[in-house]
Amino acid sequence: MTQQPIDDQPLVTFLRQHRPAPPPPAPDLEERILAAVANEPAHVRQYRHRRLWIVPPAIAAGVLIAIAGHRLLTPARPSPAEIANLEAFLLTNWDGTVSDSSPADPAFEPLPPDSSQTQ
């Protein structure tokens, strides 16, 4: 069962009518801010600007590392001769596993039938 939304309009009206007035600004606030900025040592202001110069070279270095890494880690495309060689290898091995013909390897000898299982 869903509940009906609560009508908040009377509450909103009450809060708007009885809201407190904001405090008045300090009369010398602007002068205090400008004095604080003027009294700040120059090397602190320069250090803030110096930190901003780090961002663009860091982004450029990251992009270069990403591109170089992609080029180094991507394998080279095989030549048509290598593809043909691989295809022939796969075909001969597949044919050797599914056919009953003798294998090409002369070291392979089938096991003799087990005499203990003979009737």
C-alpha atoms as a PDB file:
ATOM      1  CA  MET A   1       0.000   0.000   0.000  1.00  0.00           C
ATOM      2  CA  THR A   2       1.451   3.356  -0.978  1.00  0.00           C
ATOM      3  CA  GLN A   3       1.078   6.419   1.204  1.00  0.00           C
ATOM      4  CA  GLN A   4      -0.109   9.709  -0.191  1.00  0.00           C
ATOM      5  CA  PRO A   5       2.519  12.480  -0.309  1.00  0.00           C
ATOM      6  CA  ILE A   6       2.416  14.845   2.636  1.00  0.00           C
ATOM      7  CA  ASP A   7       1.354  18.388   1.776  1.00  0.00           C
ATOM      8  CA  ASP A   8       4.278  20.557   2.923  1.00  0.00           C
ATOM      9  CA  GLN A   9       2.938  23.862   1.683  1.00  0.00           C
ATOM     10  CA  PRO A  10       1.767  25.141   5.106  1.00  0.00           C
ATOM     11  CA  LEU A  11       5.181  24.300   6.585  1.00  0.00           C
ATOM     12  CA  VAL A  12       6.998  26.036   3.727  1.00  0.00           C
ATOM     13  CA  THR A  13       4.827  29.132   4.129  1.00  0.00           C
ATOM     14  CA  PHE A  14       5.446  29.226   7.896  1.00  0.00           C
ATOM     15  CA  LEU A  15       9.231  28.896   7.468  1.00  0.00           C
ATOM     16  CA  ARG A  16       9.311  31.667   4.854  1.00  0.00           C
ATOM     17  CA  GLN A  17       7.358  34.036   7.092  1.00  0.00           C
ATOM     18  CA  HIS A  18       9.473  33.353  10.185  1.00  0.00           C
ATOM     19  CA  ARG A  19      12.939  33.015   8.673  1.00  0.00           C
ATOM     20  CA  PRO A  20      15.616  35.058  10.427  1.00  0.00           C
ATOM     21  CA  ALA A  21      17.312  37.958   8.710  1.00  0.00           C
ATOM     22  CA  PRO A  22      20.903  37.270   7.614  1.00  0.00           C
ATOM     23  CA  PRO A  23      23.548  39.039   9.678  1.00  0.00           C
ATOM     24  CA  PRO A  24      24.890  42.276   8.208  1.00  0.00           C
ATOM     25  CA  PRO A  25      28.304  42.017   6.529  1.00  0.00           C
ATOM     26  CA  ALA A  26      31.320  43.312   8.370  1.00  0.00           C
ATOM     27  CA  PRO A  27      32.044  46.858   7.194  1.00  0.00           C
ATOM     28  CA  ASP A  28      35.779  46.264   6.708  1.00  0.00           C
ATOM     29  CA  LEU A  29      35.566  42.743   5.255  1.00  0.00           C
ATOM     30  CA  GLU A  30      36.848  43.697   1.795  1.00  0.00           C
ATOM     31  CA  GLU A  31      39.820  45.580   3.234  1.00  0.00           C
ATOM     32  CA  ARG A  32      40.734  42.648   5.495  1.00  0.00           C
ATOM     33  CA  ILE A  33      40.671  40.224   2.559  1.00  0.00           C
ATOM     34  CA  LEU A  34      42.846  42.489   0.399  1.00  0.00           C
ATOM     35  CA  ALA A  35      45.268  43.025   3.290  1.00  0.00           C
ATOM     36  CA  ALA A  36      45.561  39.270   3.852  1.00  0.00           C
ATOM     37  CA  VAL A  37      46.345  38.718   0.169  1.00  0.00           C
ATOM     38  CA  ALA A  38      48.879  41.559   0.147  1.00  0.00           C
ATOM     39  CA  ASN A  39      50.610  40.199   3.288  1.00  0.00           C
ATOM     40  CA  GLU A  40      50.900  36.682   1.844  1.00  0.00           C
ATOM     41  CA  PRO A  41      54.522  35.901   0.929  1.00  0.00           C
ATOM     42  CA  ALA A  42      55.275  36.013  -2.788  1.00  0.00           C
ATOM     43  CA  HIS A  43      56.894  32.560  -2.856  1.00  0.00           C
ATOM     44  CA  VAL A  44      53.640  30.964  -1.659  1.00  0.00           C
ATOM     45  CA  ARG A  45      51.732  32.572  -4.535  1.00  0.00           C
ATOM     46  CA  GLN A  46      54.415  31.494  -7.016  1.00  0.00           C
ATOM     47  CA  TYR A  47      54.377  27.931  -5.672  1.00  0.00           C
ATOM     48  CA  ARG A  48      50.655  27.683  -6.379  1.00  0.00           C
ATOM     49  CA  HIS A  49      51.226  28.696  -9.990  1.00  0.00           C
ATOM     50  CA  ARG A  50      54.205  26.378 -10.300  1.00  0.00           C
ATOM     51  CA  ARG A  51      52.055  23.398  -9.371  1.00  0.00           C
ATOM     52  CA  LEU A  52      49.750  24.105 -12.300  1.00  0.00           C
ATOM     53  CA  TRP A  53      52.634  23.597 -14.747  1.00  0.00           C
ATOM     54  CA  ILE A  54      52.882  19.972 -13.626  1.00  0.00           C
ATOM     55  CA  VAL A  55      49.460  19.001 -14.981  1.00  0.00           C
ATOM     56  CA  PRO A  56      49.920  19.350 -18.792  1.00  0.00           C
ATOM     57  CA  PRO A  57      53.286  17.523 -18.922  1.00  0.00           C
ATOM     58  CA  ALA A  58      51.871  14.767 -16.740  1.00  0.00           C
ATOM     59  CA  ILE A  59      48.921  14.325 -19.092  1.00  0.00           C
ATOM     60  CA  ALA A  60      51.222  14.322 -22.138  1.00  0.00           C
ATOM     61  CA  ALA A  61      53.521  11.753 -20.509  1.00  0.00           C
ATOM     62  CA  GLY A  62      50.546   9.537 -19.689  1.00  0.00           C
ATOM     63  CA  VAL A  63      49.292   9.672 -23.259  1.00  0.00           C
ATOM     64  CA  LEU A  64      52.751   8.854 -24.640  1.00  0.00           C
ATOM     65  CA  ILE A  65      53.158   5.927 -22.249  1.00  0.00           C
ATOM     66  CA  ALA A  66      49.725   4.601 -23.210  1.00  0.00           C
ATOM     67  CA  ILE A  67      50.491   4.826 -26.952  1.00  0.00           C
ATOM     68  CA  ALA A  68      53.951   3.276 -26.584  1.00  0.00           C
ATOM     69  CA  GLY A  69      52.613   0.515 -24.371  1.00  0.00           C
ATOM     70  CA  HIS A  70      49.863  -0.276 -26.828  1.00  0.00           C
ATOM     71  CA  ARG A  71      52.359  -0.470 -29.707  1.00  0.00           C
ATOM     72  CA  LEU A  72      54.801  -2.631 -27.745  1.00  0.00           C
ATOM     73  CA  LEU A  73      52.203  -5.017 -26.353  1.00  0.00           C
ATOM     74  CA  THR A  74      50.242  -5.520 -29.581  1.00  0.00           C
ATOM     75  CA  PRO A  75      51.617  -8.560 -31.408  1.00  0.00           C
ATOM     76  CA  ALA A  76      52.783  -8.120 -34.983  1.00  0.00           C
ATOM     77  CA  ARG A  77      50.545  -9.427 -37.756  1.00  0.00           C
ATOM     78  CA  PRO A  78      51.786 -12.750 -39.119  1.00  0.00           C
ATOM     79  CA  SER A  79      52.823 -12.932 -42.744  1.00  0.00           C
ATOM     80  CA  PRO A  80      50.760 -14.955 -45.226  1.00  0.00           C
ATOM     81  CA  ALA A  81      53.498 -17.629 -45.249  1.00  0.00           C
ATOM     82  CA  GLU A  82      53.287 -17.967 -41.462  1.00  0.00           C
ATOM     83  CA  ILE A  83      49.503 -18.215 -41.612  1.00  0.00           C
ATOM     84  CA  ALA A  84      49.705 -20.915 -44.289  1.00  0.00           C
ATOM     85  CA  ASN A  85      52.306 -22.819 -42.258  1.00  0.00           C
ATOM     86  CA  LEU A  86      50.137 -22.645 -39.128  1.00  0.00           C
ATOM     87  CA  GLU A  87      47.046 -23.735 -41.043  1.00  0.00           C
ATOM     88  CA  ALA A  88      48.883 -26.726 -42.521  1.00  0.00           C
ATOM     89  CA  PHE A  89      50.188 -27.675 -39.072  1.00  0.00           C
ATOM     90  CA  LEU A  90      46.709 -27.555 -37.581  1.00  0.00           C
ATOM     91  CA  LEU A  91      45.217 -29.574 -40.433  1.00  0.00           C
ATOM     92  CA  THR A  92      47.825 -32.347 -40.191  1.00  0.00           C
ATOM     93  CA  ASN A  93      47.497 -32.556 -36.420  1.00  0.00           C
ATOM     94  CA  TRP A  94      43.712 -32.573 -36.579  1.00  0.00           C
ATOM     95  CA  ASP A  95      43.698 -35.242 -39.267  1.00  0.00           C
ATOM     96  CA  GLY A  96      46.097 -37.300 -37.174  1.00  0.00           C
ATOM     97  CA  THR A  97      43.839 -37.209 -34.119  1.00  0.00           C
ATOM     98  CA  VAL A  98      40.571 -38.131 -35.816  1.00  0.00           C
ATOM     99  CA  SER A  99      41.724 -40.703 -38.360  1.00  0.00           C
ATOM    100  CA  ASP A 100      42.795 -44.286 -37.752  1.00  0.00           C
ATOM    101  CA  SER A 101      45.802 -44.038 -40.063  1.00  0.00           C
ATOM    102  CA  SER A 102      49.282 -44.529 -38.729  1.00  0.00           C
ATOM    103  CA  PRO A 103      50.882 -41.439 -37.262  1.00  0.00           C
ATOM    104  CA  ALA A 104      53.657 -39.638 -39.085  1.00  0.00           C
ATOM    105  CA  ASP A 105      55.962 -39.996 -36.077  1.00  0.00           C
ATOM    106  CA  PRO A 106      57.959 -43.248 -36.420  1.00  0.00           C
ATOM    107  CA  ALA A 107      58.599 -43.303 -32.648  1.00  0.00           C
ATOM    108  CA  PHE A 108      54.921 -43.852 -32.022  1.00  0.00           C
ATOM    109  CA  GLU A 109      54.001 -47.484 -31.556  1.00  0.00           C
ATOM    110  CA  PRO A 110      50.543 -48.626 -30.549  1.00  0.00           C
ATOM    111  CA  LEU A 111      50.313 -50.675 -27.372  1.00  0.00           C
ATOM    112  CA  PRO A 112      49.898 -54.400 -27.839  1.00  0.00           C
ATOM    113  CA  PRO A 113      46.547 -55.807 -26.774  1.00  0.00           C
ATOM    114  CA  ASP A 114      46.490 -56.808 -23.106  1.00  0.00           C
ATOM    115  CA  SER A 115      46.611 -60.585 -22.812  1.00  0.00           C
ATOM    116  CA  SER A 116      44.958 -60.613 -19.370  1.00  0.00           C
ATOM    117  CA  GLN A 117      41.696 -59.272 -20.779  1.00  0.00           C
ATOM    118  CA  THR A 118      41.543 -61.965 -23.455  1.00  0.00           C
ATOM    119  CA  GLN A 119      38.904 -64.645 -22.891  1.00  0.00           C
END
